[in-house]
Amino acid sequence: MVSSISTQAIAPATLLRGQGAWGEALTRLPQLCQRPFLLGRSISTQPLRDQLCIDLESLGQIGRAHV
C-alpha cells in the first residue's frame, strides 16, 4: 500500500494572540518575509485587506497593489 501522507511545517514558531497582537506582529514581519502577498476577493473582508495594506505600506513592506 502506498501512503499519500506528506508533512509540511507552515506554522510560525511563535503565535501572537490578544489585544495588540497585530502591532507586535508588524515589527516581526520583516524577519519572516520581504514581500507579503495579500489575497482575497470577498467584499465583506475588503476593509480588512485595505487596512492590512496600509499597515504594511507604513513598514515599507509592500507597494500599492494594482487591480
PDB file of N, CA and C in Angstrom:
ATOM      1  N   MET A   1       0.840  -1.182   0.000  1.00  0.00           N
ATOM      2  CA  MET A   1       0.000   0.000   0.000  1.00  0.00           C
ATOM      3  C   MET A   1       0.886   1.247   0.000  1.00  0.00           C
ATOM      4  N   VAL A   2       0.562   2.199  -0.844  1.00  0.00           N
ATOM      5  CA  VAL A   2       1.316   3.449  -0.948  1.00  0.00           C
ATOM      6  C   VAL A   2       0.646   4.511  -0.091  1.00  0.00           C
ATOM      7  N   SER A   3       1.446   5.214   0.702  1.00  0.00           N
ATOM      8  CA  SER A   3       0.919   6.265   1.564  1.00  0.00           C
ATOM      9  C   SER A   3       0.979   7.613   0.844  1.00  0.00           C
ATOM     10  N   SER A   4      -0.076   8.392   0.950  1.00  0.00           N
ATOM     11  CA  SER A   4      -0.101   9.709   0.322  1.00  0.00           C
ATOM     12  C   SER A   4       0.009  10.821   1.360  1.00  0.00           C
ATOM     13  N   ILE A   5       0.536  10.491   2.518  1.00  0.00           N
ATOM     14  CA  ILE A   5       0.691  11.475   3.591  1.00  0.00           C
ATOM     15  C   ILE A   5       1.972  12.260   3.376  1.00  0.00           C
ATOM     16  N   SER A   6       1.856  13.564   3.498  1.00  0.00           N
ATOM     17  CA  SER A   6       3.043  14.424   3.430  1.00  0.00           C
ATOM     18  C   SER A   6       3.045  15.342   4.641  1.00  0.00           C
ATOM     19  N   THR A   7       4.204  15.785   5.010  1.00  0.00           N
ATOM     20  CA  THR A   7       4.350  16.658   6.164  1.00  0.00           C
ATOM     21  C   THR A   7       4.855  18.011   5.704  1.00  0.00           C
ATOM     22  N   GLN A   8       4.228  19.056   6.225  1.00  0.00           N
ATOM     23  CA  GLN A   8       4.661  20.415   5.915  1.00  0.00           C
ATOM     24  C   GLN A   8       4.703  21.211   7.203  1.00  0.00           C
ATOM     25  N   ALA A   9       5.721  22.019   7.353  1.00  0.00           N
ATOM     26  CA  ALA A   9       5.830  22.912   8.500  1.00  0.00           C
ATOM     27  C   ALA A   9       5.524  24.325   8.016  1.00  0.00           C
ATOM     28  N   ILE A  10       4.305  24.773   8.274  1.00  0.00           N
ATOM     29  CA  ILE A  10       3.926  26.092   7.783  1.00  0.00           C
ATOM     30  C   ILE A  10       3.570  27.063   8.905  1.00  0.00           C
ATOM     31  N   ALA A  11       3.451  26.580  10.106  1.00  0.00           N
ATOM     32  CA  ALA A  11       3.084  27.447  11.217  1.00  0.00           C
ATOM     33  C   ALA A  11       4.319  28.154  11.767  1.00  0.00           C
ATOM     34  N   PRO A  12       4.156  29.386  12.229  1.00  0.00           N
ATOM     35  CA  PRO A  12       5.302  30.080  12.836  1.00  0.00           C
ATOM     36  C   PRO A  12       5.656  29.461  14.181  1.00  0.00           C
ATOM     37  N   ALA A  13       6.886  29.645  14.572  1.00  0.00           N
ATOM     38  CA  ALA A  13       7.336  29.127  15.868  1.00  0.00           C
ATOM     39  C   ALA A  13       6.673  29.884  17.017  1.00  0.00           C
ATOM     40  N   THR A  14       6.326  31.134  16.776  1.00  0.00           N
ATOM     41  CA  THR A  14       5.685  31.963  17.795  1.00  0.00           C
ATOM     42  C   THR A  14       4.323  32.405  17.300  1.00  0.00           C
ATOM     43  N   LEU A  15       3.323  32.241  18.119  1.00  0.00           N
ATOM     44  CA  LEU A  15       1.973  32.651  17.779  1.00  0.00           C
ATOM     45  C   LEU A  15       1.569  33.777  18.709  1.00  0.00           C
ATOM     46  N   LEU A  16       1.186  34.909  18.150  1.00  0.00           N
ATOM     47  CA  LEU A  16       0.775  36.061  18.950  1.00  0.00           C
ATOM     48  C   LEU A  16      -0.744  36.141  18.957  1.00  0.00           C
ATOM     49  N   ARG A  17      -1.310  36.345  20.129  1.00  0.00           N
ATOM     50  CA  ARG A  17      -2.763  36.454  20.273  1.00  0.00           C
ATOM     51  C   ARG A  17      -3.089  37.586  21.230  1.00  0.00           C
ATOM     52  N   GLY A  18      -4.298  38.080  21.096  1.00  0.00           N
ATOM     53  CA  GLY A  18      -4.787  39.055  22.060  1.00  0.00           C
ATOM     54  C   GLY A  18      -4.670  40.487  21.595  1.00  0.00           C
ATOM     55  N   GLN A  19      -5.050  41.384  22.493  1.00  0.00           N
ATOM     56  CA  GLN A  19      -5.027  42.820  22.231  1.00  0.00           C
ATOM     57  C   GLN A  19      -3.607  43.263  21.886  1.00  0.00           C
ATOM     58  N   GLY A  20      -3.445  43.924  20.774  1.00  0.00           N
ATOM     59  CA  GLY A  20      -2.134  44.427  20.382  1.00  0.00           C
ATOM     60  C   GLY A  20      -1.280  43.431  19.626  1.00  0.00           C
ATOM     61  N   ALA A  21      -1.823  42.252  19.329  1.00  0.00           N
ATOM     62  CA  ALA A  21      -1.034  41.219  18.653  1.00  0.00           C
ATOM     63  C   ALA A  21      -0.596  41.669  17.257  1.00  0.00           C
ATOM     64  N   TRP A  22      -1.490  42.331  16.516  1.00  0.00           N
ATOM     65  CA  TRP A  22      -1.133  42.759  15.159  1.00  0.00           C
ATOM     66  C   TRP A  22      -0.005  43.791  15.187  1.00  0.00           C
ATOM     67  N   GLY A  23      -0.056  44.718  16.118  1.00  0.00           N
ATOM     68  CA  GLY A  23       1.013  45.710  16.245  1.00  0.00           C
ATOM     69  C   GLY A  23       2.357  45.065  16.557  1.00  0.00           C
ATOM     70  N   GLU A  24       2.345  44.087  17.420  1.00  0.00           N
ATOM     71  CA  GLU A  24       3.570  43.350  17.753  1.00  0.00           C
ATOM     72  C   GLU A  24       4.048  42.534  16.555  1.00  0.00           C
ATOM     73  N   ALA A  25       3.100  41.930  15.858  1.00  0.00           N
ATOM     74  CA  ALA A  25       3.453  41.110  14.695  1.00  0.00           C
ATOM     75  C   ALA A  25       4.064  41.961  13.587  1.00  0.00           C
ATOM     76  N   LEU A  26       3.584  43.181  13.426  1.00  0.00           N
ATOM     77  CA  LEU A  26       4.120  44.055  12.380  1.00  0.00           C
ATOM     78  C   LEU A  26       5.610  44.285  12.529  1.00  0.00           C
ATOM     79  N   THR A  27       6.076  44.409  13.757  1.00  0.00           N
ATOM     80  CA  THR A  27       7.507  44.629  13.971  1.00  0.00           C
ATOM     81  C   THR A  27       8.336  43.391  13.641  1.00  0.00           C
ATOM     82  N   ARG A  28       7.703  42.214  13.681  1.00  0.00           N
ATOM     83  CA  ARG A  28       8.410  40.966  13.401  1.00  0.00           C
ATOM     84  C   ARG A  28       8.294  40.519  11.943  1.00  0.00           C
ATOM     85  N   LEU A  29       7.358  41.094  11.214  1.00  0.00           N
ATOM     86  CA  LEU A  29       7.099  40.671   9.844  1.00  0.00           C
ATOM     87  C   LEU A  29       8.315  40.747   8.925  1.00  0.00           C
ATOM     88  N   PRO A  30       9.124  41.790   8.984  1.00  0.00           N
ATOM     89  CA  PRO A  30      10.291  41.839   8.097  1.00  0.00           C
ATOM     90  C   PRO A  30      11.267  40.674   8.288  1.00  0.00           C
ATOM     91  N   GLN A  31      11.284  40.072   9.458  1.00  0.00           N
ATOM     92  CA  GLN A  31      12.136  38.907   9.701  1.00  0.00           C
ATOM     93  C   GLN A  31      11.568  37.653   9.048  1.00  0.00           C
ATOM     94  N   LEU A  32      10.268  37.655   8.827  1.00  0.00           N
ATOM     95  CA  LEU A  32       9.588  36.490   8.274  1.00  0.00           C
ATOM     96  C   LEU A  32       9.589  36.485   6.752  1.00  0.00           C
ATOM     97  N   CYS A  33       9.348  37.655   6.149  1.00  0.00           N
ATOM     98  CA  CYS A  33       9.303  37.729   4.695  1.00  0.00           C
ATOM     99  C   CYS A  33       9.583  39.163   4.240  1.00  0.00           C
ATOM    100  N   GLN A  34       9.951  39.292   2.978  1.00  0.00           N
ATOM    101  CA  GLN A  34      10.262  40.616   2.437  1.00  0.00           C
ATOM    102  C   GLN A  34       9.106  41.208   1.654  1.00  0.00           C
ATOM    103  N   ARG A  35       8.297  40.377   1.030  1.00  0.00           N
ATOM    104  CA  ARG A  35       7.201  40.862   0.199  1.00  0.00           C
ATOM    105  C   ARG A  35       5.931  40.064   0.460  1.00  0.00           C
ATOM    106  N   PRO A  36       5.200  40.399   1.527  1.00  0.00           N
ATOM    107  CA  PRO A  36       3.963  39.671   1.810  1.00  0.00           C
ATOM    108  C   PRO A  36       2.953  39.880   0.683  1.00  0.00           C
ATOM    109  N   PHE A  37       2.094  38.915   0.501  1.00  0.00           N
ATOM    110  CA  PHE A  37       1.108  38.923  -0.572  1.00  0.00           C
ATOM    111  C   PHE A  37      -0.284  38.873   0.040  1.00  0.00           C
ATOM    112  N   LEU A  38      -1.090  39.868  -0.245  1.00  0.00           N
ATOM    113  CA  LEU A  38      -2.464  39.887   0.253  1.00  0.00           C
ATOM    114  C   LEU A  38      -3.391  39.345  -0.820  1.00  0.00           C
ATOM    115  N   LEU A  39      -4.193  38.395  -0.437  1.00  0.00           N
ATOM    116  CA  LEU A  39      -5.073  37.757  -1.389  1.00  0.00           C
ATOM    117  C   LEU A  39      -6.476  37.682  -0.800  1.00  0.00           C
ATOM    118  N   GLY A  40      -7.445  38.014  -1.594  1.00  0.00           N
ATOM    119  CA  GLY A  40      -8.827  37.918  -1.156  1.00  0.00           C
ATOM    120  C   GLY A  40      -9.740  38.494  -2.211  1.00  0.00           C
ATOM    121  N   ARG A  41     -10.987  38.118  -2.136  1.00  0.00           N
ATOM    122  CA  ARG A  41     -11.930  38.643  -3.116  1.00  0.00           C
ATOM    123  C   ARG A  41     -13.284  38.983  -2.524  1.00  0.00           C
ATOM    124  N   SER A  42     -13.495  38.669  -1.282  1.00  0.00           N
ATOM    125  CA  SER A  42     -14.778  38.931  -0.660  1.00  0.00           C
ATOM    126  C   SER A  42     -14.944  40.426  -0.373  1.00  0.00           C
ATOM    127  N   ILE A  43     -16.088  40.954  -0.731  1.00  0.00           N
ATOM    128  CA  ILE A  43     -16.375  42.358  -0.449  1.00  0.00           C
ATOM    129  C   ILE A  43     -16.433  42.593   1.058  1.00  0.00           C
ATOM    130  N   SER A  44     -16.905  41.604   1.792  1.00  0.00           N
ATOM    131  CA  SER A  44     -17.044  41.765   3.241  1.00  0.00           C
ATOM    132  C   SER A  44     -15.695  41.871   3.959  1.00  0.00           C
ATOM    133  N   THR A  45     -14.628  41.328   3.379  1.00  0.00           N
ATOM    134  CA  THR A  45     -13.309  41.423   4.016  1.00  0.00           C
ATOM    135  C   THR A  45     -12.414  42.475   3.358  1.00  0.00           C
ATOM    136  N   GLN A  46     -12.928  43.207   2.375  1.00  0.00           N
ATOM    137  CA  GLN A  46     -12.137  44.239   1.703  1.00  0.00           C
ATOM    138  C   GLN A  46     -11.604  45.301   2.676  1.00  0.00           C
ATOM    139  N   PRO A  47     -12.413  45.785   3.616  1.00  0.00           N
ATOM    140  CA  PRO A  47     -11.871  46.770   4.566  1.00  0.00           C
ATOM    141  C   PRO A  47     -10.686  46.232   5.378  1.00  0.00           C
ATOM    142  N   LEU A  48     -10.719  44.954   5.730  1.00  0.00           N
ATOM    143  CA  LEU A  48      -9.594  44.356   6.461  1.00  0.00           C
ATOM    144  C   LEU A  48      -8.343  44.317   5.587  1.00  0.00           C
ATOM    145  N   ARG A  49      -8.502  43.938   4.324  1.00  0.00           N
ATOM    146  CA  ARG A  49      -7.358  43.900   3.406  1.00  0.00           C
ATOM    147  C   ARG A  49      -6.802  45.295   3.165  1.00  0.00           C
ATOM    148  N   ASP A  50      -7.701  46.274   3.060  1.00  0.00           N
ATOM    149  CA  ASP A  50      -7.251  47.656   2.879  1.00  0.00           C
ATOM    150  C   ASP A  50      -6.406  48.112   4.060  1.00  0.00           C
ATOM    151  N   GLN A  51      -6.859  47.802   5.278  1.00  0.00           N
ATOM    152  CA  GLN A  51      -6.099  48.198   6.470  1.00  0.00           C
ATOM    153  C   GLN A  51      -4.772  47.448   6.556  1.00  0.00           C
ATOM    154  N   LEU A  52      -4.771  46.161   6.211  1.00  0.00           N
ATOM    155  CA  LEU A  52      -3.515  45.405   6.180  1.00  0.00           C
ATOM    156  C   LEU A  52      -2.534  46.045   5.209  1.00  0.00           C
ATOM    157  N   CYS A  53      -3.027  46.440   4.064  1.00  0.00           N
ATOM    158  CA  CYS A  53      -2.189  47.067   3.044  1.00  0.00           C
ATOM    159  C   CYS A  53      -1.597  48.376   3.572  1.00  0.00           C
ATOM    160  N   ILE A  54      -2.412  49.181   4.227  1.00  0.00           N
ATOM    161  CA  ILE A  54      -1.937  50.439   4.797  1.00  0.00           C
ATOM    162  C   ILE A  54      -0.856  50.177   5.843  1.00  0.00           C
ATOM    163  N   ASP A  55      -1.096  49.202   6.711  1.00  0.00           N
ATOM    164  CA  ASP A  55      -0.119  48.872   7.759  1.00  0.00           C
ATOM    165  C   ASP A  55       1.198  48.387   7.153  1.00  0.00           C
ATOM    166  N   LEU A  56       1.117  47.536   6.149  1.00  0.00           N
ATOM    167  CA  LEU A  56       2.328  47.015   5.513  1.00  0.00           C
ATOM    168  C   LEU A  56       3.060  48.099   4.730  1.00  0.00           C
ATOM    169  N   GLU A  57       2.324  48.999   4.104  1.00  0.00           N
ATOM    170  CA  GLU A  57       2.960  50.115   3.405  1.00  0.00           C
ATOM    171  C   GLU A  57       3.719  51.001   4.383  1.00  0.00           C
ATOM    172  N   SER A  58       3.179  51.191   5.581  1.00  0.00           N
ATOM    173  CA  SER A  58       3.845  52.037   6.577  1.00  0.00           C
ATOM    174  C   SER A  58       5.180  51.447   7.007  1.00  0.00           C
ATOM    175  N   LEU A  59       5.325  50.140   6.886  1.00  0.00           N
ATOM    176  CA  LEU A  59       6.596  49.474   7.193  1.00  0.00           C
ATOM    177  C   LEU A  59       7.531  49.446   5.994  1.00  0.00           C
ATOM    178  N   GLY A  60       7.010  49.846   4.831  1.00  0.00           N
ATOM    179  CA  GLY A  60       7.800  49.741   3.613  1.00  0.00           C
ATOM    180  C   GLY A  60       7.839  48.312   3.093  1.00  0.00           C
ATOM    181  N   GLN A  61       6.902  47.480   3.530  1.00  0.00           N
ATOM    182  CA  GLN A  61       6.895  46.077   3.160  1.00  0.00           C
ATOM    183  C   GLN A  61       6.309  45.836   1.778  1.00  0.00           C
ATOM    184  N   ILE A  62       5.327  46.640   1.391  1.00  0.00           N
ATOM    185  CA  ILE A  62       4.722  46.431   0.067  1.00  0.00           C
ATOM    186  C   ILE A  62       4.442  47.774  -0.574  1.00  0.00           C
ATOM    187  N   GLY A  63       4.381  47.773  -1.880  1.00  0.00           N
ATOM    188  CA  GLY A  63       3.942  48.939  -2.618  1.00  0.00           C
ATOM    189  C   GLY A  63       2.460  48.821  -2.871  1.00  0.00           C
ATOM    190  N   ARG A  64       1.893  49.830  -3.450  1.00  0.00           N
ATOM    191  CA  ARG A  64       0.462  49.831  -3.745  1.00  0.00           C
ATOM    192  C   ARG A  64       0.126  48.718  -4.714  1.00  0.00           C
ATOM    193  N   ALA A  65      -0.916  47.963  -4.397  1.00  0.00           N
ATOM    194  CA  ALA A  65      -1.363  46.869  -5.281  1.00  0.00           C
ATOM    195  C   ALA A  65      -2.141  47.436  -6.460  1.00  0.00           C
ATOM    196  N   HIS A  66      -2.045  46.772  -7.574  1.00  0.00           N
ATOM    197  CA  HIS A  66      -2.806  47.159  -8.747  1.00  0.00           C
ATOM    198  C   HIS A  66      -3.841  46.085  -9.024  1.00  0.00           C
ATOM    199  N   VAL A  67      -5.044  46.512  -9.281  1.00  0.00           N
ATOM    200  CA  VAL A  67      -6.132  45.571  -9.534  1.00  0.00           C
ATOM    201  C   VAL A  67      -6.380  45.451 -11.021  1.00  0.00           C
TER     202      VAL A  67
END
